[in-house]
Protein backbone atom coordinates (compact mmCIF):
# COMPACT_ATOMS: atom_id res chain seq x y z
CA MET A 1 72.94 54.41 -60.31
CA PRO A 2 75.08 57.50 -61.02
CA GLN A 3 75.77 58.30 -64.68
CA TYR A 4 79.32 58.69 -65.91
CA LYS A 5 81.05 60.49 -68.71
CA VAL A 6 84.32 59.21 -70.12
CA LEU A 7 87.18 61.74 -70.11
CA SER A 8 90.02 60.02 -71.97
CA PHE A 9 91.44 57.51 -69.48
CA PHE A 10 89.50 58.95 -66.53
CA ILE A 11 85.89 58.32 -65.58
CA VAL A 12 84.28 61.43 -64.13
CA PRO A 13 80.81 61.31 -62.53
CA LYS A 14 78.45 63.79 -64.23
CA LEU A 15 77.55 65.34 -60.92
CA LEU A 16 81.25 66.14 -60.44
CA GLN A 17 81.76 67.76 -63.81
CA LYS A 18 80.36 71.13 -62.77
CA LYS A 19 82.47 71.10 -59.60
CA ILE A 20 85.57 70.18 -61.57
CA PHE A 21 85.11 73.04 -64.02
CA VAL A 22 84.51 75.46 -61.15
CA SER A 23 87.65 74.24 -59.35
CA ALA A 24 89.55 74.43 -62.63
CA GLY A 25 88.58 78.05 -62.98
CA LEU A 26 89.61 78.69 -59.40
CA ALA A 27 92.95 76.99 -60.02
CA VAL A 28 93.54 79.16 -63.09
CA TRP A 29 92.73 82.27 -61.05
CA LEU A 30 95.03 81.19 -58.26
CA VAL A 31 97.99 80.42 -60.48
CA SER A 32 97.48 83.52 -62.63
CA GLY A 33 98.84 85.58 -59.76
CA CYS A 34 101.99 83.47 -59.82
CA GLN A 35 102.83 83.88 -63.50
CA ASN A 36 105.73 86.18 -62.74
CA GLN A 37 107.26 83.37 -60.66
CA ILE A 38 107.56 80.92 -63.56
CA PRO A 39 109.91 81.18 -66.55
CA ASP A 40 108.76 82.98 -69.67
CA LYS A 41 109.69 79.97 -71.76
CA ILE A 42 108.45 76.57 -70.56
CA THR A 43 110.00 73.45 -72.11
CA PHE A 44 109.54 69.76 -71.57
CA SER A 45 113.21 69.13 -70.92
CA GLU A 46 113.67 71.66 -68.14
CA HIS A 47 110.25 72.08 -66.57
CA ILE A 48 107.61 69.49 -67.52
CA ALA A 49 109.65 66.26 -67.47
CA PRO A 50 110.62 66.62 -63.77
CA ILE A 51 106.95 67.14 -62.84
CA ILE A 52 105.75 64.13 -64.82
CA TYR A 53 108.53 61.78 -63.74
CA LYS A 54 107.96 62.57 -60.07
CA ASN A 55 104.16 62.50 -60.03
CA CYS A 56 102.84 60.54 -63.00
CA THR A 57 105.15 57.94 -64.50
CA SER A 58 104.92 55.39 -61.68
CA CYS A 59 101.31 54.70 -62.73
CA HIS A 60 101.49 55.76 -66.38
CA ARG A 61 103.64 52.94 -67.69
CA ARG A 62 103.18 49.42 -68.98
CA GLY A 63 101.31 47.14 -66.60
CA GLU A 64 100.07 49.84 -64.23
CA ALA A 65 96.80 51.69 -63.67
CA GLY A 66 97.31 54.57 -66.12
CA SER A 67 95.90 53.63 -69.52
CA PHE A 68 98.57 55.52 -71.45
CA ARG A 69 102.28 56.03 -70.87
CA LEU A 70 104.04 59.17 -69.70
CA LEU A 71 107.67 58.28 -70.24
CA THR A 72 108.73 60.42 -73.19
CA TYR A 73 108.23 63.87 -74.67
CA GLN A 74 105.98 62.33 -77.32
CA ASP A 75 103.79 60.76 -74.64
CA ALA A 76 103.34 64.05 -72.81
CA ALA A 77 102.82 66.19 -75.91
CA ALA A 78 100.12 63.86 -77.20
CA HIS A 79 98.14 64.40 -73.99
CA ALA A 80 99.13 67.98 -73.20
CA GLN A 81 95.63 69.47 -73.01
CA LEU A 82 94.42 66.58 -70.89
CA LEU A 83 97.37 67.07 -68.53
CA LYS A 84 96.45 70.75 -68.25
CA TYR A 85 92.81 69.91 -67.50
CA VAL A 86 93.37 67.27 -64.84
CA THR A 87 96.09 69.19 -63.02
CA GLN A 88 94.09 72.42 -62.93
CA SER A 89 91.01 70.59 -61.68
CA GLY A 90 93.01 68.81 -58.99
CA TYR A 91 91.86 65.45 -60.38
CA MET A 92 95.45 64.37 -60.95
CA PRO A 93 97.88 63.47 -59.54
CA PRO A 94 95.81 61.51 -57.01
CA TRP A 95 96.84 62.43 -53.48
CA PRO A 96 93.85 62.63 -51.12
CA ALA A 97 95.78 63.66 -47.99
CA ASP A 98 95.87 67.37 -47.15
CA ALA A 99 99.54 68.40 -47.43
CA SER A 100 98.88 71.49 -45.30
CA TYR A 101 97.99 69.23 -42.34
CA SER A 102 100.63 66.48 -42.37
CA HIS A 103 103.33 65.14 -44.67
CA PHE A 104 104.18 61.66 -45.92
CA ILE A 105 106.65 59.79 -48.09
CA ASP A 106 106.08 60.08 -51.86
CA GLU A 107 103.59 62.93 -51.68
CA LYS A 108 102.18 63.73 -55.11
CA VAL A 109 101.10 67.35 -54.72
CA LEU A 110 101.67 69.99 -57.38
CA SER A 111 102.48 73.57 -56.46
CA ALA A 112 100.61 76.48 -58.04
CA ASP A 113 103.70 77.20 -60.15
CA GLU A 114 103.87 73.61 -61.41
CA ILE A 115 100.19 73.68 -62.39
CA ALA A 116 100.76 76.99 -64.20
CA MET A 117 103.80 75.61 -66.05
CA VAL A 118 101.85 72.59 -67.31
CA ALA A 119 99.10 74.89 -68.60
CA ALA A 120 101.53 77.31 -70.22
CA TRP A 121 103.43 74.48 -71.90
CA ALA A 122 100.22 72.91 -73.25
CA ASP A 123 98.93 76.24 -74.59
CA ASN A 124 102.16 77.37 -76.23
CA GLY A 125 103.17 74.61 -78.57
CA CYS A 126 104.58 71.97 -76.17
CA GLU A 127 108.19 72.94 -76.80
CA MET A 128 110.75 70.19 -76.30
CA GLY A 129 113.70 72.42 -75.36
CA ASP A 130 117.33 71.43 -74.93
CA THR A 131 117.36 67.63 -74.73
CA SER A 132 120.69 67.68 -72.91
CA LYS A 133 118.91 69.27 -69.95
CA ALA A 134 116.15 66.64 -69.78
CA PRO A 135 116.31 64.19 -66.88
CA LYS A 136 116.37 60.50 -67.69
CA PRO A 137 112.98 58.79 -67.34
CA PRO A 138 112.81 56.77 -64.13
CA GLU A 139 113.36 53.04 -64.46
CA PHE A 140 110.75 50.68 -63.09
CA THR A 141 110.24 46.95 -63.01
CA VAL A 142 107.26 45.93 -65.10
CA GLY A 143 104.56 44.58 -62.80
CA SER A 144 105.85 46.22 -59.62
CA GLN A 145 105.69 49.57 -57.85
CA VAL A 146 108.58 48.53 -55.60
CA GLY A 147 111.39 47.03 -57.67
CA LYS A 148 112.63 43.75 -59.10
CA PRO A 149 111.26 40.93 -56.90
CA ASP A 150 113.31 37.96 -55.78
CA LEU A 151 110.32 35.66 -56.19
CA VAL A 152 106.90 35.87 -57.85
CA ILE A 153 104.11 33.67 -56.51
CA LYS A 154 101.09 33.47 -58.76
CA LEU A 155 97.74 31.77 -58.96
CA ARG A 156 98.28 28.66 -61.02
CA GLU A 157 95.41 29.57 -63.32
CA PRO A 158 93.07 32.56 -63.65
CA PHE A 159 90.13 32.65 -61.26
CA LYS A 160 86.90 32.98 -63.23
CA ILE A 161 84.48 35.70 -62.09
CA LYS A 162 80.84 35.42 -63.14
CA GLY A 163 79.14 38.51 -64.50
CA ASN A 164 76.20 38.32 -62.10
CA GLY A 165 76.55 41.76 -60.51
CA LYS A 166 77.37 40.35 -57.06
CA ASP A 167 80.23 40.93 -54.63
CA LEU A 168 82.42 37.89 -54.13
CA PHE A 169 84.36 37.05 -50.95
CA LEU A 170 86.81 34.15 -51.02
CA LEU A 171 89.38 32.35 -48.96
CA MET A 172 92.24 31.59 -51.32
CA ARG A 173 95.47 29.62 -51.02
CA VAL A 174 98.43 30.33 -53.29
CA PRO A 175 101.12 27.67 -52.57
CA TYR A 176 104.83 27.88 -53.24
CA GLU A 177 108.01 25.86 -52.75
CA ILE A 178 111.50 27.42 -52.67
CA PRO A 179 115.01 25.94 -52.26
CA LYS A 180 115.54 26.98 -48.62
CA ASP A 181 114.12 28.88 -45.68
CA THR A 182 114.67 32.61 -45.90
CA PHE A 183 113.51 35.97 -44.57
CA VAL A 184 111.20 38.37 -46.35
CA ARG A 185 111.31 42.15 -46.27
CA VAL A 186 108.01 42.84 -48.05
CA ILE A 187 105.35 41.15 -50.18
CA GLU A 188 103.66 43.25 -52.86
CA ILE A 189 100.19 42.25 -54.02
CA VAL A 190 99.65 42.80 -57.74
CA PRO A 191 95.99 42.41 -58.78
CA GLY A 192 95.43 40.77 -62.11
CA ASN A 193 92.09 42.58 -62.48
CA ARG A 194 92.40 46.05 -60.97
CA LYS A 195 88.81 46.95 -61.79
CA LEU A 196 87.35 44.23 -59.57
CA VAL A 197 89.89 43.47 -56.84
CA HIS A 198 88.60 45.62 -53.99
CA HIS A 199 90.77 44.40 -51.14
CA VAL A 200 93.12 41.57 -50.24
CA ASN A 201 94.30 40.58 -46.77
CA ALA A 202 97.23 38.18 -47.01
CA GLN A 203 98.75 35.90 -44.39
CA LEU A 204 101.59 33.41 -44.70
CA LEU A 205 101.42 29.68 -43.95
CA SER A 206 104.82 28.18 -43.13
CA TYR A 207 105.06 24.37 -43.18
CA ASP A 208 107.73 22.25 -41.54
CA PHE A 209 109.37 20.47 -44.46
CA ASP A 210 108.59 16.95 -43.23
CA LYS A 211 104.98 17.64 -42.22
CA LYS A 212 103.57 18.56 -45.64
CA LYS A 213 104.54 16.44 -48.61
CA ASP A 214 102.62 18.32 -51.32
CA VAL A 215 101.67 21.95 -50.65
CA PHE A 216 99.96 22.15 -54.05
CA LYS A 217 97.33 19.57 -53.15
CA GLY A 218 93.87 20.91 -52.28
CA ASN A 219 91.40 23.49 -53.54
CA THR A 220 92.71 26.90 -54.50
CA PHE A 221 89.71 28.79 -53.13
CA VAL A 222 86.40 28.51 -51.34
CA ASP A 223 83.49 30.93 -51.53
CA LEU A 224 82.75 32.19 -48.02
CA GLU A 225 79.02 32.34 -48.72
CA ASN A 226 78.99 28.53 -48.93
CA TYR A 227 80.74 27.96 -45.57
CA THR A 228 79.46 28.60 -42.08
CA ASP A 229 82.12 26.25 -40.66
CA LYS A 230 85.60 27.74 -41.14
CA LEU A 231 87.28 24.41 -40.23
CA LYS A 232 85.43 22.76 -43.11
CA ALA A 233 86.66 25.53 -45.42
CA TYR A 234 90.24 25.06 -44.18
CA LYS A 235 89.97 21.31 -44.78
CA ASP A 236 88.74 21.77 -48.34
CA LEU A 237 91.61 24.16 -48.98
CA GLY A 238 94.10 21.60 -47.67
CA LEU A 239 95.61 23.99 -45.13
CA ALA A 240 96.40 21.37 -42.48
CA ASN A 241 99.55 19.29 -42.26
CA ASP A 242 99.45 15.79 -43.69
CA ASP A 243 98.08 14.41 -40.41
CA GLY A 244 94.91 16.39 -41.09
CA VAL A 245 94.81 17.66 -37.51
CA THR A 246 97.65 20.11 -36.93
CA PHE A 247 98.22 23.33 -38.85
CA PRO A 248 101.35 25.17 -39.98
CA ALA A 249 102.63 28.36 -38.41
CA LEU A 250 100.65 31.42 -39.44
CA THR A 251 102.13 34.89 -39.92
CA LYS A 252 99.33 37.45 -39.98
CA SER A 253 99.00 40.53 -42.17
CA VAL A 254 102.08 39.99 -44.34
CA SER A 255 100.55 42.20 -47.03
CA ASN A 256 97.35 44.07 -47.78
CA TYR A 257 95.85 45.65 -50.85
CA LEU A 258 93.33 48.43 -51.43
CA PRO A 259 92.89 50.55 -54.58
CA GLY A 260 95.87 52.85 -54.96
CA VAL A 261 98.03 51.09 -52.37
CA THR A 262 101.78 50.69 -52.70
CA PRO A 263 103.29 48.52 -49.95
CA PRO A 264 105.41 50.47 -47.47
CA ILE A 265 109.13 49.66 -47.42
CA TYR A 266 110.95 50.03 -44.10
CA PRO A 267 114.67 50.22 -43.25
CA ASP A 268 116.59 46.99 -42.74
CA GLY A 269 115.70 45.25 -39.49
CA ILE A 270 112.25 46.84 -39.22
CA GLY A 271 109.37 44.60 -40.15
CA GLY A 272 109.69 41.45 -42.24
CA PHE A 273 109.21 37.79 -41.36
CA LYS A 274 110.46 34.26 -41.96
CA MET A 275 109.46 32.26 -45.05
CA THR A 276 109.92 28.48 -45.01
CA ARG A 277 110.76 26.21 -47.94
CA LYS A 278 107.16 25.03 -48.23
CA GLY A 279 104.25 27.32 -47.66
CA ALA A 280 101.38 29.29 -49.09
CA VAL A 281 100.15 32.84 -49.27
CA PHE A 282 96.79 32.52 -47.56
CA LEU A 283 94.27 35.18 -48.49
CA LYS A 284 92.14 35.40 -45.36
CA ASP A 285 89.82 37.17 -47.69
CA ILE A 286 89.94 38.51 -51.21
CA HIS A 287 87.02 40.66 -52.26
CA TYR A 288 85.97 41.07 -55.88
CA GLY A 289 83.51 43.86 -56.61
CA PRO A 290 80.42 43.16 -58.75
CA SER A 291 80.85 42.61 -62.48
CA ARG A 292 78.23 42.60 -65.22
CA ILE A 293 80.36 40.53 -67.58
CA ASP A 294 82.18 37.23 -67.20
CA THR A 295 85.85 37.93 -66.57
CA ALA A 296 88.85 36.60 -64.64
CA ASP A 297 91.67 37.51 -62.27
CA GLN A 298 95.15 36.11 -61.78
CA THR A 299 96.61 38.05 -58.87
CA SER A 300 100.31 37.60 -58.12
CA PHE A 301 102.63 38.32 -55.19
CA ASN A 302 106.06 39.90 -55.55
CA VAL A 303 108.37 38.73 -52.76
CA PHE A 304 111.46 40.70 -51.72
CA PHE A 305 113.92 38.81 -49.54
CA ALA A 306 115.69 40.24 -46.49
CA LYS A 307 119.31 39.61 -45.59
CA GLN A 308 118.60 38.91 -41.94
CA ALA A 309 115.84 38.15 -39.47
CA PRO A 310 113.72 41.16 -38.46
CA LYS A 311 114.94 42.84 -35.30
CA ARG A 312 111.73 44.78 -34.70
CA PRO A 313 108.56 43.05 -35.97
CA LEU A 314 105.73 45.39 -36.91
CA GLN A 315 102.59 45.68 -34.80
CA GLU A 316 99.18 46.98 -35.76
CA PHE A 317 95.86 48.12 -34.35
CA GLN A 318 92.82 49.73 -35.87
CA LEU A 319 90.04 51.97 -34.68
CA GLY A 320 86.46 51.41 -35.79
CA THR A 321 85.22 48.42 -37.78
CA PHE A 322 86.80 45.18 -36.46
CA GLY A 323 88.97 47.38 -34.27
CA VAL A 324 89.93 48.17 -30.67
CA SER A 325 87.42 51.00 -30.30
CA PRO A 326 83.72 51.37 -31.15
CA ILE A 327 82.21 53.71 -33.72
CA ILE A 328 80.06 56.40 -32.12
CA PRO A 329 77.21 56.54 -32.99
CA ASP A 330 76.65 53.13 -34.60
CA LEU A 331 77.54 53.28 -38.28
CA VAL A 332 74.01 53.58 -39.64
CA ILE A 333 73.41 56.27 -42.27
CA PRO A 334 69.77 56.99 -43.17
CA PRO A 335 68.96 58.12 -46.71
CA ASP A 336 69.24 61.83 -47.54
CA THR A 337 71.59 62.55 -44.63
CA ILE A 338 75.19 63.58 -44.07
CA MET A 339 76.50 62.21 -40.77
CA THR A 340 79.70 62.37 -38.74
CA PHE A 341 81.09 59.38 -36.81
CA HIS A 342 83.90 59.12 -34.26
CA SER A 343 86.17 56.50 -32.74
CA GLU A 344 88.95 56.98 -30.19
CA TYR A 345 91.57 54.86 -28.46
CA THR A 346 93.84 55.58 -25.49
CA LEU A 347 97.39 54.28 -25.90
CA PRO A 348 98.59 52.01 -23.08
CA SER A 349 102.28 52.63 -23.90
CA ASP A 350 104.61 54.82 -25.95
CA ILE A 351 104.58 53.91 -29.64
CA SER A 352 106.37 54.91 -32.83
CA ILE A 353 103.97 55.17 -35.78
CA LEU A 354 105.30 54.21 -39.20
CA THR A 355 102.24 54.04 -41.43
CA ILE A 356 98.54 54.88 -41.25
CA ASN A 357 95.63 53.82 -43.44
CA PRO A 358 92.15 55.38 -43.33
CA HIS A 359 89.38 53.27 -44.85
CA MET A 360 85.78 53.98 -45.85
CA HIS A 361 83.58 52.97 -48.77
CA LEU A 362 81.51 54.89 -51.33
CA LEU A 363 79.67 57.21 -48.94
CA GLY A 364 82.88 58.56 -47.45
CA LYS A 365 83.05 62.35 -47.67
CA SER A 366 85.99 63.35 -45.44
CA PHE A 367 88.36 61.83 -42.88
CA LEU A 368 90.34 63.29 -39.99
CA ALA A 369 92.70 61.66 -37.46
CA TYR A 370 94.89 63.17 -34.77
CA ALA A 371 96.29 62.37 -31.33
CA VAL A 372 95.96 64.40 -28.15
CA THR A 373 98.70 63.89 -25.54
CA PRO A 374 98.06 63.83 -21.77
CA GLN A 375 99.44 67.39 -21.73
CA GLY A 376 96.81 68.51 -24.24
CA LYS A 377 99.10 68.80 -27.26
CA THR A 378 97.49 67.88 -30.59
CA ILE A 379 99.57 65.76 -32.98
CA PRO A 380 98.16 65.88 -36.55
CA LEU A 381 97.97 62.50 -38.26
CA ILE A 382 95.94 62.88 -41.45
CA ARG A 383 93.19 64.98 -42.97
CA ILE A 384 91.40 64.05 -46.18
CA LYS A 385 89.02 66.81 -47.16
CA LYS A 386 87.56 64.95 -50.11
CA TRP A 387 87.44 61.18 -49.70
CA ASP A 388 88.01 59.14 -52.86
CA PHE A 389 87.26 55.42 -52.68
CA ARG A 390 89.56 54.75 -55.65
CA TRP A 391 92.71 55.97 -53.89
CA GLN A 392 93.36 54.46 -50.46
CA TYR A 393 97.02 54.68 -49.59
CA PHE A 394 99.16 53.39 -46.79
CA TYR A 395 100.48 56.78 -45.74
CA GLY A 396 104.06 56.43 -44.49
CA PHE A 397 105.63 59.09 -42.30
CA LYS A 398 109.03 60.41 -43.34
CA LYS A 399 110.32 59.67 -39.84
CA MET A 400 108.81 57.56 -37.10
CA LEU A 401 106.21 59.57 -35.20
CA LYS A 402 106.32 59.16 -31.41
CA ILE A 403 102.95 59.15 -29.65
CA PRO A 404 103.30 58.99 -25.85
CA ARG A 405 101.48 56.72 -23.46
CA GLY A 406 98.07 58.00 -22.40
CA SER A 407 97.51 59.89 -25.65
CA ILE A 408 94.08 59.56 -27.22
CA ILE A 409 93.97 58.82 -30.94
CA HIS A 410 90.84 60.30 -32.52
CA ALA A 411 89.34 59.38 -35.88
CA GLU A 412 86.43 61.23 -37.46
CA GLY A 413 84.61 60.26 -40.63
CA VAL A 414 81.88 62.12 -42.51
CA PHE A 415 79.54 60.09 -44.72
CA ASP A 416 77.27 61.47 -47.44
CA ASN A 417 74.15 59.41 -48.20
CA THR A 418 72.44 62.00 -50.38
CA ARG A 419 71.67 62.30 -54.07
CA SER A 420 74.46 64.85 -54.42
CA ASN A 421 77.07 62.14 -53.74
CA PRO A 422 77.97 60.89 -57.23
CA ASN A 423 79.40 57.67 -55.77
CA ASN A 424 76.23 56.72 -53.89
CA PRO A 425 75.56 53.09 -54.90
CA PHE A 426 71.78 53.61 -54.75
CA SER A 427 69.43 56.05 -56.47
CA PRO A 428 67.32 57.04 -54.68
CA PRO A 429 69.47 56.71 -51.54
CA ARG A 430 68.76 53.85 -49.12
CA LEU A 431 69.70 53.23 -45.51
CA ILE A 432 73.32 52.07 -45.48
CA ALA A 433 75.08 50.56 -42.48
CA GLU A 434 78.09 48.61 -41.30
CA ARG A 435 75.92 45.47 -41.12
CA GLY A 436 78.02 43.50 -38.66
CA GLY A 437 81.33 44.31 -40.32
CA SER A 438 80.18 43.53 -43.85
CA MET A 439 82.89 44.42 -46.35
CA ARG A 440 80.54 44.65 -49.32
CA THR A 441 81.05 47.75 -51.39
CA GLN A 442 77.44 48.93 -50.99
CA ASP A 443 77.68 48.65 -47.19
CA GLU A 444 79.99 50.89 -45.18
CA MET A 445 83.11 50.64 -43.05
CA PHE A 446 84.97 53.16 -40.91
CA GLN A 447 88.54 52.20 -40.00
CA PHE A 448 91.80 53.85 -39.06
CA ILE A 449 94.68 51.36 -39.21
CA VAL A 450 97.94 52.17 -37.44
CA THR A 451 101.21 50.29 -38.07
CA TYR A 452 103.69 50.90 -35.27
CA LEU A 453 106.59 49.73 -33.12
CA PRO A 454 106.95 49.92 -29.35
CA TYR A 455 108.88 53.15 -28.84
CA GLN A 456 112.64 53.10 -28.41
CA ALA A 457 114.77 56.15 -27.65
CA GLY A 458 115.80 57.86 -30.89
CA ASP A 459 113.00 56.42 -33.05
CA GLU A 460 111.84 59.90 -34.01
CA ASN A 461 115.19 60.47 -35.73
CA ILE A 462 115.05 57.35 -37.91
CA SER A 463 114.29 58.14 -41.55
CA LEU A 464 111.79 55.88 -43.28
CA GLU A 465 112.56 57.24 -46.76
CA ARG A 466 114.57 54.22 -47.90
CA PRO A 467 112.68 52.47 -50.73
CA LEU A 468 113.98 49.48 -52.60
CA SER A 469 115.84 50.24 -55.82
CA LYS A 470 113.51 50.48 -58.84
CA LYS A 471 115.64 48.68 -61.38
């Protein structure tokens, strides 16, 4: 297994440390040529606070992934040298997508001048400056990246995870009952144990009021390893109506979670779904990574209501694993090799892309996706030069991106199964493969997920930069 060194709140693989210091030196050299473009006097109020509030605070606050807060001058000054180090190395803020290739909502990319200002401020006494010029810290809802939810659905009690070092895949049912039927704009998944929750795929069960007397009756979860018969698993979970034969309406893919993900928020009328008085969030699967100690998780779901029924329901397809197109060659990576894999899909109709999500596991090295139109024009989608398993975003375009019928969407993934990959789960390296779509961390996946709408005239002019209020 790779060895790790603790760097304050970050964990940096030893094999990466040399690369980080080299890139830090390169960053210093690059920004040194820009010193005449930054003010002689750098203060928190005028220069550092805007950088931190835009790029750092959303995670560095109570209840989120950052292990210390970055809300005040005191917070920043106490960690000034660390801020200098991680920004110069490119380790923070985390934004894997290459901003020179394509752009997305909420990009967290520092300019050379911003990196230089952080370094200069840290090295020259961390001056506060004129407090009247300081922006107000952004306001967030504790326990949400999106805003204040209208409803929180939570596991009734923590789920206990054994410290046996094994991956765990479950079907889980989280029931609810509300006063009346309504419509939902978005559901945000909030892991109770961020270290172990690897992914969650959520669906929604909607019961007719008179067909299910008690939605809370039945098991909360079943371990998929113990069930070869899915109907038996569904019975033990109590998913069926009271007649034991028929099932409630199922809305697929109402929310998904991967490390680093914030749920995309779309303009009114785009996306969303109906939510009945009685129902359950059904986790088609929730994957906990291996743990060496006994621990627990109590994941919750923030629900944001919509004022009206969705006019344009979202649609989705994915290339690669479980998708509409095969991986070429088969996703089998021998030890001590670096290999490139492809998948491509020809669009049968015009579409408007809203969000994209690349997905690989620990051997991922780089990712590239683009579309080629029937006229031979290349439309850039995303390029990730350095894949990081810990940060897997839903990348939302600033405006809908039209891709015409007949275009071929290409996805290319490079996987590194060598000793030089600090994230390799095995030392020495072993043969790693997809293994029939296994989602275990030590196996591999190669996916490119596209969320879209059938194209309508004018879609490319519709702004998607309309998040919910963070109050």
